[in-house]
Amino acid sequence: MSKVCELCGKRPASGNSIVRRGLAKAKGGIGLHITRVTKRRFLPNLQRVRTKEGGTVLRRTVCTACIRQGRITKP
């Protein structure tokens, strides 16, 4: 199953997972230090829902943002 919303085209985004160690300077430490940076993916919250389009009922893969905005009509 594709990880893309069929209505808005929302797809996985990439980013970094940053690990920091140490105590902040404001709390009396020597500051936070970055010890590791790894790539990660932010996946969209996709749901498989039944939609009514032109008198027919279809199953579509839609993100929850589109469902909340009312871009689909449920049968």
N, C-alpha and C. Protein backbone atom coordinates (compact mmCIF):
# COMPACT_ATOMS: atom_id res chain seq x y z
N MET A 1 0.83 -1.17 0.00
CA MET A 1 0.00 0.00 0.00
C MET A 1 0.88 1.24 0.00
N SER A 2 0.55 2.18 -0.86
CA SER A 2 1.32 3.40 -0.97
C SER A 2 1.07 4.30 0.23
N LYS A 3 2.09 5.03 0.66
CA LYS A 3 1.97 5.92 1.80
C LYS A 3 1.71 7.35 1.34
N VAL A 4 0.76 7.50 0.40
CA VAL A 4 0.42 8.81 -0.15
C VAL A 4 -1.09 9.00 -0.05
N CYS A 5 -1.51 10.18 0.39
CA CYS A 5 -2.94 10.51 0.45
C CYS A 5 -3.45 10.70 -0.97
N GLU A 6 -4.59 10.09 -1.28
CA GLU A 6 -5.12 10.16 -2.64
C GLU A 6 -5.78 11.50 -2.94
N LEU A 7 -6.09 12.30 -1.92
CA LEU A 7 -6.72 13.59 -2.15
C LEU A 7 -5.72 14.74 -2.21
N CYS A 8 -4.90 14.87 -1.17
CA CYS A 8 -4.00 16.03 -1.10
C CYS A 8 -2.58 15.71 -1.52
N GLY A 9 -2.23 14.43 -1.65
CA GLY A 9 -0.89 14.07 -2.08
C GLY A 9 0.15 14.10 -0.97
N LYS A 10 -0.31 14.15 0.28
CA LYS A 10 0.63 14.16 1.41
C LYS A 10 1.40 12.85 1.42
N ARG A 11 2.72 12.94 1.58
CA ARG A 11 3.59 11.76 1.53
C ARG A 11 4.61 11.82 2.64
N PRO A 12 5.39 10.75 2.85
CA PRO A 12 6.38 10.77 3.93
C PRO A 12 7.40 11.89 3.74
N ALA A 13 7.75 12.54 4.85
CA ALA A 13 8.77 13.58 4.84
C ALA A 13 9.98 13.06 5.59
N SER A 14 11.15 13.59 5.28
CA SER A 14 12.37 13.15 5.94
C SER A 14 12.87 14.22 6.90
N GLY A 15 13.61 13.77 7.89
CA GLY A 15 14.16 14.70 8.87
C GLY A 15 15.26 14.00 9.65
N ASN A 16 15.60 14.59 10.77
CA ASN A 16 16.67 14.05 11.61
C ASN A 16 16.16 13.77 13.01
N SER A 17 16.74 12.74 13.62
CA SER A 17 16.52 12.46 15.04
C SER A 17 17.81 12.84 15.74
N ILE A 18 17.74 13.86 16.60
CA ILE A 18 18.94 14.41 17.24
C ILE A 18 18.97 13.99 18.70
N VAL A 19 20.09 13.40 19.13
CA VAL A 19 20.28 12.99 20.52
C VAL A 19 21.21 14.00 21.17
N ARG A 20 20.73 14.58 22.29
CA ARG A 20 21.54 15.57 23.02
C ARG A 20 21.81 15.07 24.41
N ARG A 21 23.01 15.34 24.92
CA ARG A 21 23.39 14.94 26.27
C ARG A 21 23.93 16.15 27.01
N GLY A 22 23.90 16.07 28.31
CA GLY A 22 24.45 17.13 29.14
C GLY A 22 23.36 17.93 29.82
N LEU A 23 23.79 18.87 30.64
CA LEU A 23 22.89 19.73 31.38
C LEU A 23 22.96 21.13 30.80
N ALA A 24 21.80 21.74 30.62
CA ALA A 24 21.74 23.07 30.01
C ALA A 24 22.53 24.08 30.85
N LYS A 25 23.06 25.09 30.18
CA LYS A 25 23.83 26.13 30.89
C LYS A 25 22.96 26.87 31.89
N ALA A 26 21.68 27.07 31.53
CA ALA A 26 20.77 27.78 32.44
C ALA A 26 20.54 27.00 33.72
N LYS A 27 20.79 25.70 33.68
CA LYS A 27 20.59 24.87 34.87
C LYS A 27 21.91 24.57 35.58
N GLY A 28 22.98 25.25 35.18
CA GLY A 28 24.25 25.09 35.86
C GLY A 28 25.21 24.13 35.21
N GLY A 29 24.89 23.62 34.03
CA GLY A 29 25.77 22.68 33.35
C GLY A 29 26.69 23.38 32.36
N ILE A 30 27.36 22.57 31.54
CA ILE A 30 28.26 23.15 30.54
C ILE A 30 27.61 23.23 29.17
N GLY A 31 26.32 22.93 29.10
CA GLY A 31 25.60 23.05 27.84
C GLY A 31 25.29 21.69 27.23
N LEU A 32 24.30 21.68 26.36
CA LEU A 32 23.91 20.44 25.69
C LEU A 32 24.84 20.17 24.52
N HIS A 33 25.17 18.91 24.32
CA HIS A 33 26.04 18.50 23.21
C HIS A 33 25.31 17.48 22.37
N ILE A 34 25.42 17.59 21.07
CA ILE A 34 24.81 16.63 20.15
C ILE A 34 25.75 15.45 20.02
N THR A 35 25.22 14.25 20.32
CA THR A 35 26.06 13.06 20.26
C THR A 35 25.74 12.17 19.06
N ARG A 36 24.53 12.32 18.51
CA ARG A 36 24.17 11.45 17.40
C ARG A 36 23.08 12.11 16.57
N VAL A 37 23.20 12.01 15.25
CA VAL A 37 22.16 12.50 14.33
C VAL A 37 21.89 11.38 13.33
N THR A 38 20.65 10.90 13.33
CA THR A 38 20.27 9.84 12.40
C THR A 38 19.06 10.30 11.59
N LYS A 39 18.95 9.80 10.38
CA LYS A 39 17.83 10.14 9.52
C LYS A 39 16.59 9.40 10.00
N ARG A 40 15.43 10.04 9.82
CA ARG A 40 14.16 9.41 10.15
C ARG A 40 13.11 9.87 9.17
N ARG A 41 11.94 9.21 9.21
CA ARG A 41 10.84 9.55 8.32
C ARG A 41 9.62 9.93 9.14
N PHE A 42 8.94 10.98 8.71
CA PHE A 42 7.67 11.39 9.29
C PHE A 42 6.58 10.87 8.36
N LEU A 43 5.82 9.88 8.82
CA LEU A 43 4.81 9.26 7.97
C LEU A 43 3.46 9.93 8.18
N PRO A 44 2.68 10.12 7.10
CA PRO A 44 1.34 10.70 7.25
C PRO A 44 0.40 9.69 7.92
N ASN A 45 -0.60 10.20 8.61
CA ASN A 45 -1.59 9.36 9.27
C ASN A 45 -2.68 9.02 8.25
N LEU A 46 -2.50 7.90 7.56
CA LEU A 46 -3.42 7.50 6.49
C LEU A 46 -4.43 6.49 7.01
N GLN A 47 -5.66 6.65 6.57
CA GLN A 47 -6.74 5.74 6.92
C GLN A 47 -7.42 5.28 5.63
N ARG A 48 -7.88 4.03 5.66
CA ARG A 48 -8.59 3.47 4.51
C ARG A 48 -10.08 3.63 4.80
N VAL A 49 -10.74 4.53 4.07
CA VAL A 49 -12.15 4.85 4.33
C VAL A 49 -12.98 4.64 3.08
N ARG A 50 -14.28 4.43 3.30
CA ARG A 50 -15.22 4.31 2.20
C ARG A 50 -15.75 5.69 1.88
N THR A 51 -15.70 6.05 0.59
CA THR A 51 -16.18 7.36 0.16
C THR A 51 -17.24 7.17 -0.92
N LYS A 52 -18.11 8.15 -1.01
CA LYS A 52 -19.16 8.11 -2.03
C LYS A 52 -18.84 9.16 -3.08
N GLU A 53 -18.65 8.70 -4.32
CA GLU A 53 -18.30 9.60 -5.42
C GLU A 53 -19.14 9.24 -6.63
N GLY A 54 -19.97 10.17 -7.04
CA GLY A 54 -20.77 9.97 -8.24
C GLY A 54 -21.71 8.78 -8.18
N GLY A 55 -22.26 8.50 -7.02
CA GLY A 55 -23.19 7.39 -6.88
C GLY A 55 -22.53 6.05 -6.62
N THR A 56 -21.22 5.98 -6.66
CA THR A 56 -20.53 4.74 -6.38
C THR A 56 -19.76 4.86 -5.07
N VAL A 57 -19.57 3.73 -4.41
CA VAL A 57 -18.84 3.70 -3.15
C VAL A 57 -17.45 3.12 -3.41
N LEU A 58 -16.42 3.87 -3.04
CA LEU A 58 -15.04 3.45 -3.26
C LEU A 58 -14.29 3.43 -1.95
N ARG A 59 -13.22 2.66 -1.91
CA ARG A 59 -12.31 2.71 -0.78
C ARG A 59 -11.11 3.55 -1.18
N ARG A 60 -10.81 4.57 -0.38
CA ARG A 60 -9.69 5.46 -0.68
C ARG A 60 -8.76 5.52 0.51
N THR A 61 -7.48 5.75 0.23
CA THR A 61 -6.49 5.96 1.28
C THR A 61 -6.34 7.46 1.47
N VAL A 62 -6.80 7.96 2.63
CA VAL A 62 -6.91 9.39 2.86
C VAL A 62 -6.25 9.73 4.19
N CYS A 63 -5.58 10.89 4.26
CA CYS A 63 -4.99 11.31 5.52
C CYS A 63 -6.07 11.87 6.42
N THR A 64 -5.81 11.87 7.72
CA THR A 64 -6.81 12.31 8.69
C THR A 64 -7.09 13.80 8.57
N ALA A 65 -6.16 14.58 8.07
CA ALA A 65 -6.40 16.01 7.87
C ALA A 65 -7.51 16.22 6.84
N CYS A 66 -7.52 15.43 5.78
CA CYS A 66 -8.57 15.54 4.76
C CYS A 66 -9.91 15.08 5.31
N ILE A 67 -9.91 14.06 6.16
CA ILE A 67 -11.15 13.58 6.76
C ILE A 67 -11.74 14.67 7.66
N ARG A 68 -10.91 15.31 8.48
CA ARG A 68 -11.39 16.35 9.38
C ARG A 68 -11.90 17.57 8.63
N GLN A 69 -11.28 17.88 7.50
CA GLN A 69 -11.68 19.06 6.72
C GLN A 69 -12.93 18.81 5.89
N GLY A 70 -13.39 17.55 5.85
CA GLY A 70 -14.61 17.24 5.13
C GLY A 70 -14.43 17.15 3.63
N ARG A 71 -13.26 16.78 3.17
CA ARG A 71 -13.02 16.65 1.74
C ARG A 71 -13.63 15.40 1.15
N ILE A 72 -14.07 14.48 2.02
CA ILE A 72 -14.71 13.25 1.53
C ILE A 72 -16.14 13.23 2.05
N THR A 73 -16.99 12.49 1.34
CA THR A 73 -18.35 12.27 1.79
C THR A 73 -18.52 10.80 2.05
N LYS A 74 -18.90 10.47 3.27
CA LYS A 74 -19.09 9.06 3.63
C LYS A 74 -20.47 8.60 3.21
N PRO A 75 -20.61 7.34 2.78
CA PRO A 75 -21.92 6.83 2.35
C PRO A 75 -22.87 6.65 3.53
